[in-house]
Amino acid sequence: MRAPQPLPASLLNTPITASALERHGLSRFRAYAGDLRQLRRGIRCVPGAEPTTAQVAAVVAAQAGHAAICGVTAAQLHGMRLPGALSRSTLLHLARTDGMPRLRRPGVVGTEAAYRPGDVMMVGDVLVTTPARTFLDLARMLSPVALVAVGDGLVCTHRHGIRAGVPPLCTVEQLRRMLDEHPGVRGVRRARLALGRVRVGVDSPQETRMRLLLEDHRVGEWITDHRLIGADGREVLPDLWDEYSRTSVQYEGMHHSDPRQVHRDVERERATRSVDAAEVRVVAADLDVLSSYRGHLVPRVVSLVAAAVHRVR
């Protein structure tokens, strides 16, 4: 049996279609050789390759014609902060834009949409809903906290530190304009409520959740993207800062167990204390484990931070 034609390097970790093979000068029948595995109807890949959901969606959208990647799949493509299950979803969310009936295929969540020019953008050769429009679409399916976390991620930029000046995926004003232009779209009210709690300078969904818990329990008045300068000139960047009580809250993820990071964290806390400020370190369990606060059981982060904030009140 003759060996299959070698594939070009550009196809080794991407979805493979007959048309893609022809563009590379190969026979369309190469797609049916035994050394490839099927991903979906008409789409194959090299064994061991792991094309992303967004890559597969781009191929399906191109095959369908007049279709835009939207919803969860658009959020994945933009790198938005989806909650765990949705971030791993392999369902393809595609909207027909030509007035034809929605796509009905296995593994495809099809819709119909009449998008305005500002609702969509080209990513490569495929139409995709913009980050702002995707935020609006996600409002129908996410919890209020998860939607704020998505919004925090979209507008995240910093004035200080190594990420200073890195542009956000979109701005608060762009999100506000998107909602104003679609007053009757399902989910717009939820999106407006979430946008009212979105803040610039939040680096993770856990930091979002931490801030919302403190706000909901009226503990402190929190500023994001703040900078302290220690007595020795060291820069400290609190995840949250309460000016009145001079309290810094730092959320510590898994990487904070690295010995070098532990050393940096100790130096950071010393610099914080050197300017008469308190530091509260918060870990993931503190957002879920309950403790007593003012006669009620609340997430432990609330009682931990309240003790620091109220020390001067």
C-alpha atoms as a PDB file:
ATOM      1  CA  MET A   1       0.000   0.000   0.000  1.00  0.00           C
ATOM      2  CA  ARG A   2       1.343   3.408  -0.960  1.00  0.00           C
ATOM      3  CA  ALA A   3       2.138   5.709   1.971  1.00  0.00           C
ATOM      4  CA  PRO A   4      -0.053   8.846   2.272  1.00  0.00           C
ATOM      5  CA  GLN A   5       1.416  12.101   1.019  1.00  0.00           C
ATOM      6  CA  PRO A   6       3.263  14.033   3.753  1.00  0.00           C
ATOM      7  CA  LEU A   7       1.324  16.943   5.217  1.00  0.00           C
ATOM      8  CA  PRO A   8       2.759  20.459   5.389  1.00  0.00           C
ATOM      9  CA  ALA A   9       3.771  21.649   8.858  1.00  0.00           C
ATOM     10  CA  SER A  10       0.961  24.225   8.895  1.00  0.00           C
ATOM     11  CA  LEU A  11      -1.652  21.430   8.981  1.00  0.00           C
ATOM     12  CA  LEU A  12      -0.127  19.296  11.715  1.00  0.00           C
ATOM     13  CA  ASN A  13      -2.024  20.875  14.626  1.00  0.00           C
ATOM     14  CA  THR A  14      -5.082  22.347  12.915  1.00  0.00           C
ATOM     15  CA  PRO A  15      -8.398  21.045  11.587  1.00  0.00           C
ATOM     16  CA  ILE A  16      -7.923  19.503   8.141  1.00  0.00           C
ATOM     17  CA  THR A  17     -10.530  19.745   5.384  1.00  0.00           C
ATOM     18  CA  ALA A  18     -10.532  18.761   1.731  1.00  0.00           C
ATOM     19  CA  SER A  19     -10.407  22.401   0.668  1.00  0.00           C
ATOM     20  CA  ALA A  20      -7.450  23.082   2.986  1.00  0.00           C
ATOM     21  CA  LEU A  21      -5.569  20.182   1.415  1.00  0.00           C
ATOM     22  CA  GLU A  22      -6.274  21.495  -2.076  1.00  0.00           C
ATOM     23  CA  ARG A  23      -4.957  24.929  -1.096  1.00  0.00           C
ATOM     24  CA  HIS A  24      -1.694  23.202  -0.204  1.00  0.00           C
ATOM     25  CA  GLY A  25      -1.526  21.369  -3.530  1.00  0.00           C
ATOM     26  CA  LEU A  26      -2.675  18.008  -2.190  1.00  0.00           C
ATOM     27  CA  SER A  27      -5.560  15.831  -3.301  1.00  0.00           C
ATOM     28  CA  ARG A  28      -8.826  16.375  -1.452  1.00  0.00           C
ATOM     29  CA  PHE A  29      -8.982  12.604  -0.988  1.00  0.00           C
ATOM     30  CA  ARG A  30      -5.906  12.844   1.256  1.00  0.00           C
ATOM     31  CA  ALA A  31      -8.401  13.769   4.003  1.00  0.00           C
ATOM     32  CA  TYR A  32      -9.658  10.179   4.041  1.00  0.00           C
ATOM     33  CA  ALA A  33      -6.284   8.495   4.534  1.00  0.00           C
ATOM     34  CA  GLY A  34      -6.009   6.191   7.523  1.00  0.00           C
ATOM     35  CA  ASP A  35      -3.384   8.310   9.261  1.00  0.00           C
ATOM     36  CA  LEU A  36      -5.941  11.015  10.105  1.00  0.00           C
ATOM     37  CA  ARG A  37      -8.725  10.947  12.686  1.00  0.00           C
ATOM     38  CA  GLN A  38     -12.167  12.476  12.338  1.00  0.00           C
ATOM     39  CA  LEU A  39     -13.105  15.476  14.479  1.00  0.00           C
ATOM     40  CA  ARG A  40     -16.475  16.243  12.923  1.00  0.00           C
ATOM     41  CA  ARG A  41     -18.184  15.645   9.621  1.00  0.00           C
ATOM     42  CA  GLY A  42     -15.770  16.762   6.914  1.00  0.00           C
ATOM     43  CA  ILE A  43     -13.088  17.768   9.424  1.00  0.00           C
ATOM     44  CA  ARG A  44     -10.104  15.631  10.359  1.00  0.00           C
ATOM     45  CA  CYS A  45      -6.781  16.074  12.104  1.00  0.00           C
ATOM     46  CA  VAL A  46      -3.469  14.370  12.750  1.00  0.00           C
ATOM     47  CA  PRO A  47      -3.612  11.878  15.666  1.00  0.00           C
ATOM     48  CA  GLY A  48      -2.290  13.598  18.771  1.00  0.00           C
ATOM     49  CA  ALA A  49      -3.173  17.049  17.486  1.00  0.00           C
ATOM     50  CA  GLU A  50      -5.586  19.048  19.652  1.00  0.00           C
ATOM     51  CA  PRO A  51      -7.200  21.800  17.578  1.00  0.00           C
ATOM     52  CA  THR A  52      -9.043  24.300  19.752  1.00  0.00           C
ATOM     53  CA  THR A  53     -12.804  24.624  19.733  1.00  0.00           C
ATOM     54  CA  ALA A  54     -12.383  28.063  18.163  1.00  0.00           C
ATOM     55  CA  GLN A  55     -10.270  26.596  15.334  1.00  0.00           C
ATOM     56  CA  VAL A  56     -12.910  23.969  14.614  1.00  0.00           C
ATOM     57  CA  ALA A  57     -15.665  26.596  14.794  1.00  0.00           C
ATOM     58  CA  ALA A  58     -13.831  28.722  12.236  1.00  0.00           C
ATOM     59  CA  VAL A  59     -13.797  25.793   9.818  1.00  0.00           C
ATOM     60  CA  VAL A  60     -17.485  24.992  10.349  1.00  0.00           C
ATOM     61  CA  ALA A  61     -18.426  28.666   9.935  1.00  0.00           C
ATOM     62  CA  ALA A  62     -16.454  28.877   6.687  1.00  0.00           C
ATOM     63  CA  GLN A  63     -18.105  25.698   5.400  1.00  0.00           C
ATOM     64  CA  ALA A  64     -21.576  27.001   6.247  1.00  0.00           C
ATOM     65  CA  GLY A  65     -21.039  30.460   4.779  1.00  0.00           C
ATOM     66  CA  HIS A  66     -22.703  33.600   6.176  1.00  0.00           C
ATOM     67  CA  ALA A  67     -22.125  32.418   9.740  1.00  0.00           C
ATOM     68  CA  ALA A  68     -20.469  34.151  12.681  1.00  0.00           C
ATOM     69  CA  ILE A  69     -18.815  32.622  15.707  1.00  0.00           C
ATOM     70  CA  CYS A  70     -20.729  33.857  18.750  1.00  0.00           C
ATOM     71  CA  GLY A  71     -21.529  33.199  22.398  1.00  0.00           C
ATOM     72  CA  VAL A  72     -19.304  30.828  24.350  1.00  0.00           C
ATOM     73  CA  THR A  73     -17.157  29.956  21.329  1.00  0.00           C
ATOM     74  CA  ALA A  74     -16.474  33.629  20.600  1.00  0.00           C
ATOM     75  CA  ALA A  75     -15.568  34.087  24.267  1.00  0.00           C
ATOM     76  CA  GLN A  76     -13.111  31.192  24.031  1.00  0.00           C
ATOM     77  CA  LEU A  77     -11.570  32.678  20.907  1.00  0.00           C
ATOM     78  CA  HIS A  78     -11.150  36.094  22.567  1.00  0.00           C
ATOM     79  CA  GLY A  79      -9.657  34.508  25.701  1.00  0.00           C
ATOM     80  CA  MET A  80     -12.438  35.763  27.949  1.00  0.00           C
ATOM     81  CA  ARG A  81     -12.714  34.617  31.587  1.00  0.00           C
ATOM     82  CA  LEU A  82     -15.382  31.948  31.293  1.00  0.00           C
ATOM     83  CA  PRO A  83     -16.210  29.730  34.277  1.00  0.00           C
ATOM     84  CA  GLY A  84     -14.588  26.297  34.186  1.00  0.00           C
ATOM     85  CA  ALA A  85     -17.219  24.153  32.456  1.00  0.00           C
ATOM     86  CA  LEU A  86     -17.874  26.701  29.711  1.00  0.00           C
ATOM     87  CA  SER A  87     -14.171  27.373  29.150  1.00  0.00           C
ATOM     88  CA  ARG A  88     -13.792  23.672  28.289  1.00  0.00           C
ATOM     89  CA  SER A  89     -16.983  23.322  26.249  1.00  0.00           C
ATOM     90  CA  THR A  90     -16.552  21.853  22.767  1.00  0.00           C
ATOM     91  CA  LEU A  91     -20.003  22.903  21.560  1.00  0.00           C
ATOM     92  CA  LEU A  92     -19.748  25.330  18.645  1.00  0.00           C
ATOM     93  CA  HIS A  93     -21.885  28.476  18.931  1.00  0.00           C
ATOM     94  CA  LEU A  94     -22.594  29.819  15.445  1.00  0.00           C
ATOM     95  CA  ALA A  95     -25.106  32.394  14.210  1.00  0.00           C
ATOM     96  CA  ARG A  96     -26.471  32.553  10.661  1.00  0.00           C
ATOM     97  CA  THR A  97     -26.316  36.130   9.393  1.00  0.00           C
ATOM     98  CA  ASP A  98     -28.081  35.778   6.026  1.00  0.00           C
ATOM     99  CA  GLY A  99     -31.646  35.202   7.203  1.00  0.00           C
ATOM    100  CA  MET A 100     -31.463  31.471   6.530  1.00  0.00           C
ATOM    101  CA  PRO A 101     -32.510  28.942   9.206  1.00  0.00           C
ATOM    102  CA  ARG A 102     -30.020  28.291  11.972  1.00  0.00           C
ATOM    103  CA  LEU A 103     -27.424  25.578  11.550  1.00  0.00           C
ATOM    104  CA  ARG A 104     -28.550  22.141  12.675  1.00  0.00           C
ATOM    105  CA  ARG A 105     -25.528  19.910  13.082  1.00  0.00           C
ATOM    106  CA  PRO A 106     -24.268  17.627  15.837  1.00  0.00           C
ATOM    107  CA  GLY A 107     -22.205  19.611  18.311  1.00  0.00           C
ATOM    108  CA  VAL A 108     -23.404  22.988  16.997  1.00  0.00           C
ATOM    109  CA  VAL A 109     -25.568  25.454  18.925  1.00  0.00           C
ATOM    110  CA  GLY A 110     -27.101  27.372  16.047  1.00  0.00           C
ATOM    111  CA  THR A 111     -28.852  30.739  16.188  1.00  0.00           C
ATOM    112  CA  GLU A 112     -29.949  33.437  13.768  1.00  0.00           C
ATOM    113  CA  ALA A 113     -28.791  37.024  14.156  1.00  0.00           C
ATOM    114  CA  ALA A 114     -28.924  40.382  12.407  1.00  0.00           C
ATOM    115  CA  TYR A 115     -25.733  42.027  13.588  1.00  0.00           C
ATOM    116  CA  ARG A 116     -24.843  45.695  13.369  1.00  0.00           C
ATOM    117  CA  PRO A 117     -21.385  46.593  12.002  1.00  0.00           C
ATOM    118  CA  GLY A 118     -20.020  47.178  15.514  1.00  0.00           C
ATOM    119  CA  ASP A 119     -21.250  43.779  16.705  1.00  0.00           C
ATOM    120  CA  VAL A 120     -18.830  41.681  14.673  1.00  0.00           C
ATOM    121  CA  MET A 121     -15.216  41.670  13.578  1.00  0.00           C
ATOM    122  CA  MET A 122     -12.997  39.595  11.327  1.00  0.00           C
ATOM    123  CA  VAL A 123     -10.572  37.214  13.021  1.00  0.00           C
ATOM    124  CA  GLY A 124      -8.531  35.734  10.233  1.00  0.00           C
ATOM    125  CA  ASP A 125     -11.069  34.864   7.567  1.00  0.00           C
ATOM    126  CA  VAL A 126     -13.996  34.320   9.927  1.00  0.00           C
ATOM    127  CA  LEU A 127     -16.668  36.637  11.309  1.00  0.00           C
ATOM    128  CA  VAL A 128     -16.744  36.715  15.132  1.00  0.00           C
ATOM    129  CA  THR A 129     -18.815  38.743  17.569  1.00  0.00           C
ATOM    130  CA  THR A 130     -16.740  41.488  19.190  1.00  0.00           C
ATOM    131  CA  PRO A 131     -15.756  41.191  22.856  1.00  0.00           C
ATOM    132  CA  ALA A 132     -18.419  43.766  23.781  1.00  0.00           C
ATOM    133  CA  ARG A 133     -21.192  41.982  21.861  1.00  0.00           C
ATOM    134  CA  THR A 134     -20.058  38.644  23.270  1.00  0.00           C
ATOM    135  CA  PHE A 135     -20.370  40.096  26.793  1.00  0.00           C
ATOM    136  CA  LEU A 136     -23.972  41.018  26.019  1.00  0.00           C
ATOM    137  CA  ASP A 137     -24.708  37.558  24.609  1.00  0.00           C
ATOM    138  CA  LEU A 138     -23.195  35.837  27.649  1.00  0.00           C
ATOM    139  CA  ALA A 139     -25.527  37.767  29.972  1.00  0.00           C
ATOM    140  CA  ARG A 140     -28.285  35.282  29.114  1.00  0.00           C
ATOM    141  CA  MET A 141     -26.336  32.278  30.370  1.00  0.00           C
ATOM    142  CA  LEU A 142     -23.938  33.336  33.142  1.00  0.00           C
ATOM    143  CA  SER A 143     -24.531  33.973  36.825  1.00  0.00           C
ATOM    144  CA  PRO A 144     -24.227  37.607  37.963  1.00  0.00           C
ATOM    145  CA  VAL A 145     -20.818  36.972  39.572  1.00  0.00           C
ATOM    146  CA  ALA A 146     -19.480  35.103  36.532  1.00  0.00           C
ATOM    147  CA  LEU A 147     -20.654  37.913  34.251  1.00  0.00           C
ATOM    148  CA  VAL A 148     -18.855  40.542  36.348  1.00  0.00           C
ATOM    149  CA  ALA A 149     -15.723  38.360  36.183  1.00  0.00           C
ATOM    150  CA  VAL A 150     -15.996  38.299  32.385  1.00  0.00           C
ATOM    151  CA  GLY A 151     -16.389  42.079  32.352  1.00  0.00           C
ATOM    152  CA  ASP A 152     -13.408  42.564  34.678  1.00  0.00           C
ATOM    153  CA  GLY A 153     -11.346  40.459  32.302  1.00  0.00           C
ATOM    154  CA  LEU A 154     -12.429  42.409  29.236  1.00  0.00           C
ATOM    155  CA  VAL A 155     -11.483  45.819  30.633  1.00  0.00           C
ATOM    156  CA  CYS A 156      -8.374  44.670  32.518  1.00  0.00           C
ATOM    157  CA  THR A 157      -5.450  47.031  32.096  1.00  0.00           C
ATOM    158  CA  HIS A 158      -2.959  48.509  34.537  1.00  0.00           C
ATOM    159  CA  ARG A 159      -1.310  51.846  35.250  1.00  0.00           C
ATOM    160  CA  HIS A 160       1.486  50.267  37.288  1.00  0.00           C
ATOM    161  CA  GLY A 161       3.736  47.201  37.318  1.00  0.00           C
ATOM    162  CA  ILE A 162       5.051  44.977  34.545  1.00  0.00           C
ATOM    163  CA  ARG A 163       1.676  44.931  32.757  1.00  0.00           C
ATOM    164  CA  ALA A 164       1.263  48.693  32.738  1.00  0.00           C
ATOM    165  CA  GLY A 165      -0.096  49.922  29.434  1.00  0.00           C
ATOM    166  CA  VAL A 166      -1.151  46.535  28.049  1.00  0.00           C
ATOM    167  CA  PRO A 167      -4.422  47.380  26.279  1.00  0.00           C
ATOM    168  CA  PRO A 168      -7.680  45.746  27.369  1.00  0.00           C
ATOM    169  CA  LEU A 169      -9.864  43.673  25.065  1.00  0.00           C
ATOM    170  CA  CYS A 170     -12.354  46.531  25.265  1.00  0.00           C
ATOM    171  CA  THR A 171     -13.151  49.496  27.485  1.00  0.00           C
ATOM    172  CA  VAL A 172     -15.945  50.171  29.941  1.00  0.00           C
ATOM    173  CA  GLU A 173     -17.237  52.829  27.552  1.00  0.00           C
ATOM    174  CA  GLN A 174     -17.355  50.343  24.666  1.00  0.00           C
ATOM    175  CA  LEU A 175     -19.340  47.932  26.818  1.00  0.00           C
ATOM    176  CA  ARG A 176     -21.710  50.709  27.880  1.00  0.00           C
ATOM    177  CA  ARG A 177     -22.209  51.801  24.277  1.00  0.00           C
ATOM    178  CA  MET A 178     -22.951  48.227  23.205  1.00  0.00           C
ATOM    179  CA  LEU A 179     -25.680  47.916  25.836  1.00  0.00           C
ATOM    180  CA  ASP A 180     -27.135  51.331  24.985  1.00  0.00           C
ATOM    181  CA  GLU A 181     -27.362  50.351  21.306  1.00  0.00           C
ATOM    182  CA  HIS A 182     -29.267  47.127  22.087  1.00  0.00           C
ATOM    183  CA  PRO A 183     -31.936  48.125  24.635  1.00  0.00           C
ATOM    184  CA  GLY A 184     -34.300  45.318  23.687  1.00  0.00           C
ATOM    185  CA  VAL A 185     -31.865  42.423  23.448  1.00  0.00           C
ATOM    186  CA  ARG A 186     -32.492  39.585  25.859  1.00  0.00           C
ATOM    187  CA  GLY A 187     -30.074  39.812  28.793  1.00  0.00           C
ATOM    188  CA  VAL A 188     -29.295  43.521  28.448  1.00  0.00           C
ATOM    189  CA  ARG A 189     -30.663  44.350  31.908  1.00  0.00           C
ATOM    190  CA  ARG A 190     -28.460  41.696  33.516  1.00  0.00           C
ATOM    191  CA  ALA A 191     -25.520  43.000  31.505  1.00  0.00           C
ATOM    192  CA  ARG A 192     -26.123  46.555  32.753  1.00  0.00           C
ATOM    193  CA  LEU A 193     -26.246  45.404  36.368  1.00  0.00           C
ATOM    194  CA  ALA A 194     -22.999  43.498  35.904  1.00  0.00           C
ATOM    195  CA  LEU A 195     -21.303  46.403  34.144  1.00  0.00           C
ATOM    196  CA  GLY A 196     -22.087  48.610  37.126  1.00  0.00           C
ATOM    197  CA  ARG A 197     -19.838  46.364  39.224  1.00  0.00           C
ATOM    198  CA  VAL A 198     -17.031  45.884  36.702  1.00  0.00           C
ATOM    199  CA  ARG A 199     -13.672  47.380  37.700  1.00  0.00           C
ATOM    200  CA  VAL A 200     -10.429  47.998  35.805  1.00  0.00           C
ATOM    201  CA  GLY A 201      -7.261  46.283  37.023  1.00  0.00           C
ATOM    202  CA  VAL A 202      -8.617  42.924  38.245  1.00  0.00           C
ATOM    203  CA  ASP A 203      -6.399  39.998  37.290  1.00  0.00           C
ATOM    204  CA  SER A 204      -8.526  36.892  37.864  1.00  0.00           C
ATOM    205  CA  PRO A 205     -12.078  35.616  38.398  1.00  0.00           C
ATOM    206  CA  GLN A 206     -11.152  34.772  41.988  1.00  0.00           C
ATOM    207  CA  GLU A 207     -10.172  38.387  42.638  1.00  0.00           C
ATOM    208  CA  THR A 208     -13.518  39.450  41.195  1.00  0.00           C
ATOM    209  CA  ARG A 209     -15.381  37.066  43.455  1.00  0.00           C
ATOM    210  CA  MET A 210     -13.368  38.219  46.490  1.00  0.00           C
ATOM    211  CA  ARG A 211     -14.215  41.863  45.810  1.00  0.00           C
ATOM    212  CA  LEU A 212     -17.912  41.172  45.291  1.00  0.00           C
ATOM    213  CA  LEU A 213     -18.143  39.224  48.549  1.00  0.00           C
ATOM    214  CA  LEU A 214     -16.626  42.148  50.446  1.00  0.00           C
ATOM    215  CA  GLU A 215     -18.898  44.646  48.696  1.00  0.00           C
ATOM    216  CA  ASP A 216     -21.987  42.531  49.331  1.00  0.00           C
ATOM    217  CA  HIS A 217     -21.176  42.455  53.059  1.00  0.00           C
ATOM    218  CA  ARG A 218     -20.269  46.167  53.097  1.00  0.00           C
ATOM    219  CA  VAL A 219     -16.738  45.606  54.279  1.00  0.00           C
ATOM    220  CA  GLY A 220     -14.439  48.406  53.108  1.00  0.00           C
ATOM    221  CA  GLU A 221     -14.512  50.660  50.054  1.00  0.00           C
ATOM    222  CA  TRP A 222     -12.271  48.988  47.532  1.00  0.00           C
ATOM    223  CA  ILE A 223      -9.955  50.455  44.921  1.00  0.00           C
ATOM    224  CA  THR A 224      -8.341  48.339  42.206  1.00  0.00           C
ATOM    225  CA  ASP A 225      -5.141  49.071  40.277  1.00  0.00           C
ATOM    226  CA  HIS A 226      -3.632  50.984  43.204  1.00  0.00           C
ATOM    227  CA  ARG A 227       0.061  51.418  44.014  1.00  0.00           C
ATOM    228  CA  LEU A 228       1.921  51.775  47.309  1.00  0.00           C
ATOM    229  CA  ILE A 229       5.575  52.719  47.646  1.00  0.00           C
ATOM    230  CA  GLY A 230       7.273  51.174  50.673  1.00  0.00           C
ATOM    231  CA  ALA A 231       9.726  53.002  52.892  1.00  0.00           C
ATOM    232  CA  ASP A 232      12.578  51.380  50.952  1.00  0.00           C
ATOM    233  CA  GLY A 233      11.110  52.443  47.593  1.00  0.00           C
ATOM    234  CA  ARG A 234       9.652  49.021  46.818  1.00  0.00           C
ATOM    235  CA  GLU A 235       6.488  49.072  44.685  1.00  0.00           C
ATOM    236  CA  VAL A 236       3.495  47.211  46.121  1.00  0.00           C
ATOM    237  CA  LEU A 237       0.408  46.520  44.015  1.00  0.00           C
ATOM    238  CA  PRO A 238      -2.550  45.469  46.182  1.00  0.00           C
ATOM    239  CA  ASP A 239      -5.273  43.423  44.543  1.00  0.00           C
ATOM    240  CA  LEU A 240      -7.680  45.541  46.610  1.00  0.00           C
ATOM    241  CA  TRP A 241      -7.013  48.704  48.608  1.00  0.00           C
ATOM    242  CA  ASP A 242      -9.171  50.457  51.202  1.00  0.00           C
ATOM    243  CA  GLU A 243      -7.861  53.996  51.648  1.00  0.00           C
ATOM    244  CA  TYR A 244      -9.602  54.849  54.926  1.00  0.00           C
ATOM    245  CA  SER A 245      -8.259  51.862  56.863  1.00  0.00           C
ATOM    246  CA  ARG A 246      -5.091  51.557  54.763  1.00  0.00           C
ATOM    247  CA  THR A 247      -5.769  47.880  54.159  1.00  0.00           C
ATOM    248  CA  SER A 248      -4.237  45.909  51.310  1.00  0.00           C
ATOM    249  CA  VAL A 249      -5.863  42.617  50.305  1.00  0.00           C
ATOM    250  CA  GLN A 250      -3.812  40.138  48.278  1.00  0.00           C
ATOM    251  CA  TYR A 251      -5.337  37.047  46.682  1.00  0.00           C
ATOM    252  CA  GLU A 252      -2.764  34.264  46.603  1.00  0.00           C
ATOM    253  CA  GLY A 253      -3.201  31.594  43.942  1.00  0.00           C
ATOM    254  CA  MET A 254      -1.338  28.311  43.604  1.00  0.00           C
ATOM    255  CA  HIS A 255       1.846  29.920  42.255  1.00  0.00           C
ATOM    256  CA  HIS A 256       2.362  31.667  45.598  1.00  0.00           C
ATOM    257  CA  SER A 257       3.663  28.359  47.025  1.00  0.00           C
ATOM    258  CA  ASP A 258       6.777  28.615  44.858  1.00  0.00           C
ATOM    259  CA  PRO A 259       9.772  29.357  47.154  1.00  0.00           C
ATOM    260  CA  ARG A 260      10.800  32.412  45.138  1.00  0.00           C
ATOM    261  CA  GLN A 261       7.260  33.753  45.218  1.00  0.00           C
ATOM    262  CA  VAL A 262       7.055  33.135  48.968  1.00  0.00           C
ATOM    263  CA  HIS A 263      10.161  35.305  49.390  1.00  0.00           C
ATOM    264  CA  ARG A 264       8.653  38.056  47.224  1.00  0.00           C
ATOM    265  CA  ASP A 265       5.410  37.902  49.207  1.00  0.00           C
ATOM    266  CA  VAL A 266       7.276  38.336  52.502  1.00  0.00           C
ATOM    267  CA  GLU A 267       9.121  41.355  51.111  1.00  0.00           C
ATOM    268  CA  ARG A 268       5.831  42.754  49.821  1.00  0.00           C
ATOM    269  CA  GLU A 269       4.172  42.465  53.222  1.00  0.00           C
ATOM    270  CA  ARG A 270       7.125  44.159  54.925  1.00  0.00           C
ATOM    271  CA  ALA A 271       6.975  47.021  52.433  1.00  0.00           C
ATOM    272  CA  THR A 272       3.231  47.359  53.064  1.00  0.00           C
ATOM    273  CA  ARG A 273       3.700  47.546  56.817  1.00  0.00           C
ATOM    274  CA  SER A 274       6.517  50.061  56.424  1.00  0.00           C
ATOM    275  CA  VAL A 275       3.967  52.681  55.346  1.00  0.00           C
ATOM    276  CA  ASP A 276       1.524  51.974  58.202  1.00  0.00           C
ATOM    277  CA  ALA A 277      -0.737  49.757  56.116  1.00  0.00           C
ATOM    278  CA  ALA A 278      -2.080  46.276  56.866  1.00  0.00           C
ATOM    279  CA  GLU A 279      -1.971  43.332  54.488  1.00  0.00           C
ATOM    280  CA  VAL A 280      -4.526  40.520  54.430  1.00  0.00           C
ATOM    281  CA  ARG A 281      -3.640  37.415  52.441  1.00  0.00           C
ATOM    282  CA  VAL A 282      -6.545  35.460  51.010  1.00  0.00           C
ATOM    283  CA  VAL A 283      -6.516  31.949  49.527  1.00  0.00           C
ATOM    284  CA  ALA A 284      -9.158  30.089  47.538  1.00  0.00           C
ATOM    285  CA  ALA A 285     -10.652  28.301  50.558  1.00  0.00           C
ATOM    286  CA  ASP A 286     -11.367  31.647  52.224  1.00  0.00           C
ATOM    287  CA  LEU A 287     -13.995  32.351  49.567  1.00  0.00           C
ATOM    288  CA  ASP A 288     -15.959  29.197  50.440  1.00  0.00           C
ATOM    289  CA  VAL A 289     -15.285  28.224  54.059  1.00  0.00           C
ATOM    290  CA  LEU A 290     -17.739  29.896  56.441  1.00  0.00           C
ATOM    291  CA  SER A 291     -16.905  31.733  59.656  1.00  0.00           C
ATOM    292  CA  SER A 292     -18.797  33.926  62.111  1.00  0.00           C
ATOM    293  CA  TYR A 293     -19.139  37.657  61.492  1.00  0.00           C
ATOM    294  CA  ARG A 294     -21.557  39.881  63.428  1.00  0.00           C
ATOM    295  CA  GLY A 295     -23.612  36.886  64.467  1.00  0.00           C
ATOM    296  CA  HIS A 296     -23.874  35.429  60.965  1.00  0.00           C
ATOM    297  CA  LEU A 297     -22.025  32.770  59.022  1.00  0.00           C
ATOM    298  CA  VAL A 298     -20.217  34.379  56.100  1.00  0.00           C
ATOM    299  CA  PRO A 299     -17.370  33.401  53.776  1.00  0.00           C
ATOM    300  CA  ARG A 300     -14.162  33.532  55.799  1.00  0.00           C
ATOM    301  CA  VAL A 301     -12.687  36.266  53.595  1.00  0.00           C
ATOM    302  CA  VAL A 302     -15.321  38.645  54.981  1.00  0.00           C
ATOM    303  CA  SER A 303     -14.366  38.144  58.630  1.00  0.00           C
ATOM    304  CA  LEU A 304     -10.623  38.166  57.855  1.00  0.00           C
ATOM    305  CA  VAL A 305     -10.747  41.439  55.971  1.00  0.00           C
ATOM    306  CA  ALA A 306     -13.289  43.019  58.332  1.00  0.00           C
ATOM    307  CA  ALA A 307     -10.901  42.505  61.253  1.00  0.00           C
ATOM    308  CA  ALA A 308      -8.250  44.533  59.422  1.00  0.00           C
ATOM    309  CA  VAL A 309     -10.587  47.221  58.123  1.00  0.00           C
ATOM    310  CA  HIS A 310     -12.312  47.776  61.467  1.00  0.00           C
ATOM    311  CA  ARG A 311      -9.072  48.041  63.436  1.00  0.00           C
ATOM    312  CA  VAL A 312      -9.110  51.809  62.773  1.00  0.00           C
ATOM    313  CA  ARG A 313     -12.836  52.473  62.568  1.00  0.00           C
END
